[in-house]
Amino acid sequence: MKKAFTMIELVFVIVVLGILAMVALPRLASSKEDAEITRVKAEIAAIRSAIQTHRGAKLLAQKGKGYPEKLDEKTIEEITNGTKLNKKYWTLSNEGNQLTVKIAGKQAIFTYDKDKGSLTCKDSDKDTNALCDKIDN
């Protein structure tokens, strides 16, 4: 009667677990990046929507063109009814015209145009718009 596993059986189990780990880890890493991009997409959509809502309210009240003068932390909280940007991903410029997002070592810069009320995305890497393409699509 056998009371323990043989060395061959243990080695076989370790090899199988190693193969499973090699297959699963890259998929988990890409899933995390996809989740971060989804979160950033939602935050950008909320800010863009809030800018247009703010403009509509100002126009109805006949108080100017309505676009916020700048997008600093206070203004974003005010126009989005308390939404705070996650500082793990976002950095705001002191001038209030740029929001920088970093995901998985890539960086994209959203520039705010106060005359048009628009946020335009541009990757920090001039040769590719890979992160902007993922966020804006």
C-alpha atoms as a PDB file:
ATOM      1  CA  MET A   1       0.000   0.000   0.000  1.00  0.00           C
ATOM      2  CA  LYS A   2       1.310   3.408  -1.088  1.00  0.00           C
ATOM      3  CA  LYS A   3       1.413   6.172   1.585  1.00  0.00           C
ATOM      4  CA  ALA A   4       3.133   9.065  -0.211  1.00  0.00           C
ATOM      5  CA  PHE A   5       3.575  10.606  -3.629  1.00  0.00           C
ATOM      6  CA  THR A   6       6.614   9.678  -5.646  1.00  0.00           C
ATOM      7  CA  MET A   7       9.145  12.288  -6.714  1.00  0.00           C
ATOM      8  CA  ILE A   8       8.028  11.907 -10.355  1.00  0.00           C
ATOM      9  CA  GLU A   9       4.406  12.665  -9.436  1.00  0.00           C
ATOM     10  CA  LEU A  10       5.421  15.807  -7.522  1.00  0.00           C
ATOM     11  CA  VAL A  11       7.622  17.065 -10.355  1.00  0.00           C
ATOM     12  CA  PHE A  12       4.812  16.456 -12.830  1.00  0.00           C
ATOM     13  CA  VAL A  13       2.345  18.496 -10.726  1.00  0.00           C
ATOM     14  CA  ILE A  14       4.864  21.372 -10.390  1.00  0.00           C
ATOM     15  CA  VAL A  15       5.430  21.421 -14.166  1.00  0.00           C
ATOM     16  CA  VAL A  16       1.692  21.493 -14.869  1.00  0.00           C
ATOM     17  CA  LEU A  17       1.205  24.363 -12.372  1.00  0.00           C
ATOM     18  CA  GLY A  18       4.073  26.260 -13.997  1.00  0.00           C
ATOM     19  CA  ILE A  19       2.524  25.920 -17.438  1.00  0.00           C
ATOM     20  CA  LEU A  20      -0.839  27.122 -16.137  1.00  0.00           C
ATOM     21  CA  ALA A  21       0.806  30.123 -14.481  1.00  0.00           C
ATOM     22  CA  MET A  22       2.618  31.071 -17.718  1.00  0.00           C
ATOM     23  CA  VAL A  23      -0.690  31.061 -19.583  1.00  0.00           C
ATOM     24  CA  ALA A  24      -2.761  32.870 -16.933  1.00  0.00           C
ATOM     25  CA  LEU A  25      -0.468  35.728 -15.807  1.00  0.00           C
ATOM     26  CA  PRO A  26      -0.322  37.658 -19.114  1.00  0.00           C
ATOM     27  CA  ARG A  27      -4.107  37.497 -19.363  1.00  0.00           C
ATOM     28  CA  LEU A  28      -4.513  38.873 -15.850  1.00  0.00           C
ATOM     29  CA  ALA A  29      -2.100  41.734 -16.569  1.00  0.00           C
ATOM     30  CA  SER A  30      -3.991  42.798 -19.696  1.00  0.00           C
ATOM     31  CA  SER A  31      -7.292  42.559 -17.823  1.00  0.00           C
ATOM     32  CA  LYS A  32      -5.991  45.020 -15.227  1.00  0.00           C
ATOM     33  CA  GLU A  33      -4.952  47.497 -17.934  1.00  0.00           C
ATOM     34  CA  ASP A  34      -8.356  47.131 -19.631  1.00  0.00           C
ATOM     35  CA  ALA A  35     -10.088  47.853 -16.317  1.00  0.00           C
ATOM     36  CA  GLU A  36      -7.950  50.970 -15.777  1.00  0.00           C
ATOM     37  CA  ILE A  37      -8.722  52.211 -19.299  1.00  0.00           C
ATOM     38  CA  THR A  38     -12.444  51.623 -18.729  1.00  0.00           C
ATOM     39  CA  ARG A  39     -12.306  53.639 -15.514  1.00  0.00           C
ATOM     40  CA  VAL A  40     -10.495  56.526 -17.244  1.00  0.00           C
ATOM     41  CA  LYS A  41     -12.991  56.426 -20.138  1.00  0.00           C
ATOM     42  CA  ALA A  42     -15.845  56.773 -17.657  1.00  0.00           C
ATOM     43  CA  GLU A  43     -14.150  59.676 -15.866  1.00  0.00           C
ATOM     44  CA  ILE A  44     -13.467  61.526 -19.143  1.00  0.00           C
ATOM     45  CA  ALA A  45     -17.047  60.948 -20.288  1.00  0.00           C
ATOM     46  CA  ALA A  46     -18.338  62.321 -16.976  1.00  0.00           C
ATOM     47  CA  ILE A  47     -16.154  65.433 -17.264  1.00  0.00           C
ATOM     48  CA  ARG A  48     -17.152  66.058 -20.896  1.00  0.00           C
ATOM     49  CA  SER A  49     -20.816  65.636 -20.034  1.00  0.00           C
ATOM     50  CA  ALA A  50     -20.487  67.930 -17.021  1.00  0.00           C
ATOM     51  CA  ILE A  51     -18.836  70.639 -19.147  1.00  0.00           C
ATOM     52  CA  GLN A  52     -21.794  70.605 -21.553  1.00  0.00           C
ATOM     53  CA  THR A  53     -24.333  70.504 -18.712  1.00  0.00           C
ATOM     54  CA  HIS A  54     -22.567  73.442 -17.043  1.00  0.00           C
ATOM     55  CA  ARG A  55     -22.675  75.375 -20.321  1.00  0.00           C
ATOM     56  CA  GLY A  56     -26.388  74.663 -20.789  1.00  0.00           C
ATOM     57  CA  ALA A  57     -27.190  75.866 -17.289  1.00  0.00           C
ATOM     58  CA  LYS A  58     -25.187  79.070 -17.794  1.00  0.00           C
ATOM     59  CA  LEU A  59     -26.851  79.772 -21.147  1.00  0.00           C
ATOM     60  CA  LEU A  60     -30.312  79.230 -19.685  1.00  0.00           C
ATOM     61  CA  ALA A  61     -29.484  81.596 -16.844  1.00  0.00           C
ATOM     62  CA  GLN A  62     -28.041  84.066 -19.399  1.00  0.00           C
ATOM     63  CA  LYS A  63     -24.727  84.243 -17.559  1.00  0.00           C
ATOM     64  CA  GLY A  64     -22.191  84.167 -20.398  1.00  0.00           C
ATOM     65  CA  LYS A  65     -21.025  81.427 -22.719  1.00  0.00           C
ATOM     66  CA  GLY A  66     -21.009  78.927 -19.903  1.00  0.00           C
ATOM     67  CA  TYR A  67     -17.823  76.906 -20.315  1.00  0.00           C
ATOM     68  CA  PRO A  68     -15.688  76.695 -17.169  1.00  0.00           C
ATOM     69  CA  GLU A  69     -12.631  78.956 -17.336  1.00  0.00           C
ATOM     70  CA  LYS A  70     -10.356  76.117 -16.251  1.00  0.00           C
ATOM     71  CA  LEU A  71     -10.471  72.490 -15.156  1.00  0.00           C
ATOM     72  CA  ASP A  72      -8.766  72.359 -11.798  1.00  0.00           C
ATOM     73  CA  GLU A  73      -9.664  69.926  -9.028  1.00  0.00           C
ATOM     74  CA  LYS A  74     -12.218  72.270  -7.460  1.00  0.00           C
ATOM     75  CA  THR A  75     -13.972  73.017 -10.764  1.00  0.00           C
ATOM     76  CA  ILE A  76     -14.167  69.336 -11.713  1.00  0.00           C
ATOM     77  CA  GLU A  77     -15.734  68.478  -8.346  1.00  0.00           C
ATOM     78  CA  GLU A  78     -18.164  71.387  -8.700  1.00  0.00           C
ATOM     79  CA  ILE A  79     -19.411  70.671 -12.232  1.00  0.00           C
ATOM     80  CA  THR A  80     -19.577  66.884 -11.752  1.00  0.00           C
ATOM     81  CA  ASN A  81     -21.421  67.114  -8.417  1.00  0.00           C
ATOM     82  CA  GLY A  82     -18.562  65.844  -6.288  1.00  0.00           C
ATOM     83  CA  THR A  83     -16.673  63.447  -8.560  1.00  0.00           C
ATOM     84  CA  LYS A  84     -13.003  63.297  -7.647  1.00  0.00           C
ATOM     85  CA  LEU A  85     -10.365  62.122 -10.090  1.00  0.00           C
ATOM     86  CA  ASN A  86      -8.286  59.172  -8.921  1.00  0.00           C
ATOM     87  CA  LYS A  87      -4.818  60.612  -8.213  1.00  0.00           C
ATOM     88  CA  LYS A  88      -3.300  57.214  -8.975  1.00  0.00           C
ATOM     89  CA  TYR A  89      -4.014  57.889 -12.651  1.00  0.00           C
ATOM     90  CA  TRP A  90      -4.557  61.645 -12.981  1.00  0.00           C
ATOM     91  CA  THR A  91      -2.407  64.769 -12.635  1.00  0.00           C
ATOM     92  CA  LEU A  92      -3.857  68.245 -13.206  1.00  0.00           C
ATOM     93  CA  SER A  93      -1.828  71.194 -14.454  1.00  0.00           C
ATOM     94  CA  ASN A  94      -1.601  74.331 -12.341  1.00  0.00           C
ATOM     95  CA  GLU A  95      -3.061  76.406 -15.188  1.00  0.00           C
ATOM     96  CA  GLY A  96      -6.192  74.246 -15.292  1.00  0.00           C
ATOM     97  CA  ASN A  97      -5.960  73.447 -18.982  1.00  0.00           C
ATOM     98  CA  GLN A  98      -4.346  69.998 -18.936  1.00  0.00           C
ATOM     99  CA  LEU A  99      -5.189  66.667 -17.380  1.00  0.00           C
ATOM    100  CA  THR A 100      -2.516  63.977 -17.611  1.00  0.00           C
ATOM    101  CA  VAL A 101      -3.378  60.310 -17.256  1.00  0.00           C
ATOM    102  CA  LYS A 102      -0.881  57.465 -16.738  1.00  0.00           C
ATOM    103  CA  ILE A 103      -1.856  53.857 -17.352  1.00  0.00           C
ATOM    104  CA  ALA A 104       0.561  50.921 -17.494  1.00  0.00           C
ATOM    105  CA  GLY A 105       3.578  53.157 -18.071  1.00  0.00           C
ATOM    106  CA  LYS A 106       1.896  55.072 -20.910  1.00  0.00           C
ATOM    107  CA  GLN A 107       0.892  58.703 -20.611  1.00  0.00           C
ATOM    108  CA  ALA A 108      -1.756  60.753 -22.400  1.00  0.00           C
ATOM    109  CA  ILE A 109      -2.478  64.461 -22.030  1.00  0.00           C
ATOM    110  CA  PHE A 110      -5.982  65.911 -22.306  1.00  0.00           C
ATOM    111  CA  THR A 111      -5.950  69.597 -23.187  1.00  0.00           C
ATOM    112  CA  TYR A 112      -8.988  71.672 -22.251  1.00  0.00           C
ATOM    113  CA  ASP A 113     -10.108  74.424 -24.648  1.00  0.00           C
ATOM    114  CA  LYS A 114     -12.195  76.888 -22.613  1.00  0.00           C
ATOM    115  CA  ASP A 115     -13.548  78.572 -25.765  1.00  0.00           C
ATOM    116  CA  LYS A 116     -14.960  75.340 -27.227  1.00  0.00           C
ATOM    117  CA  GLY A 117     -15.436  73.390 -23.995  1.00  0.00           C
ATOM    118  CA  SER A 118     -13.547  70.448 -25.454  1.00  0.00           C
ATOM    119  CA  LEU A 119     -11.007  67.964 -24.111  1.00  0.00           C
ATOM    120  CA  THR A 120      -8.538  66.780 -26.726  1.00  0.00           C
ATOM    121  CA  CYS A 121      -6.323  63.755 -26.111  1.00  0.00           C
ATOM    122  CA  LYS A 122      -2.705  63.530 -27.203  1.00  0.00           C
ATOM    123  CA  ASP A 123      -0.224  60.849 -26.196  1.00  0.00           C
ATOM    124  CA  SER A 124       3.056  61.993 -24.703  1.00  0.00           C
ATOM    125  CA  ASP A 125       4.780  59.715 -27.234  1.00  0.00           C
ATOM    126  CA  LYS A 126       4.560  61.755 -30.439  1.00  0.00           C
ATOM    127  CA  ASP A 127       4.820  58.729 -32.742  1.00  0.00           C
ATOM    128  CA  THR A 128       1.734  56.912 -31.515  1.00  0.00           C
ATOM    129  CA  ASN A 129      -1.691  57.702 -30.141  1.00  0.00           C
ATOM    130  CA  ALA A 130      -2.180  54.206 -28.743  1.00  0.00           C
ATOM    131  CA  LEU A 131      -3.453  55.258 -25.317  1.00  0.00           C
ATOM    132  CA  CYS A 132      -5.657  58.035 -26.702  1.00  0.00           C
ATOM    133  CA  ASP A 133      -7.108  55.608 -29.222  1.00  0.00           C
ATOM    134  CA  LYS A 134      -8.029  53.215 -26.424  1.00  0.00           C
ATOM    135  CA  ILE A 135      -9.536  55.946 -24.237  1.00  0.00           C
ATOM    136  CA  ASP A 136     -11.415  57.938 -26.880  1.00  0.00           C
ATOM    137  CA  ASN A 137     -12.867  54.933 -28.704  1.00  0.00           C
END
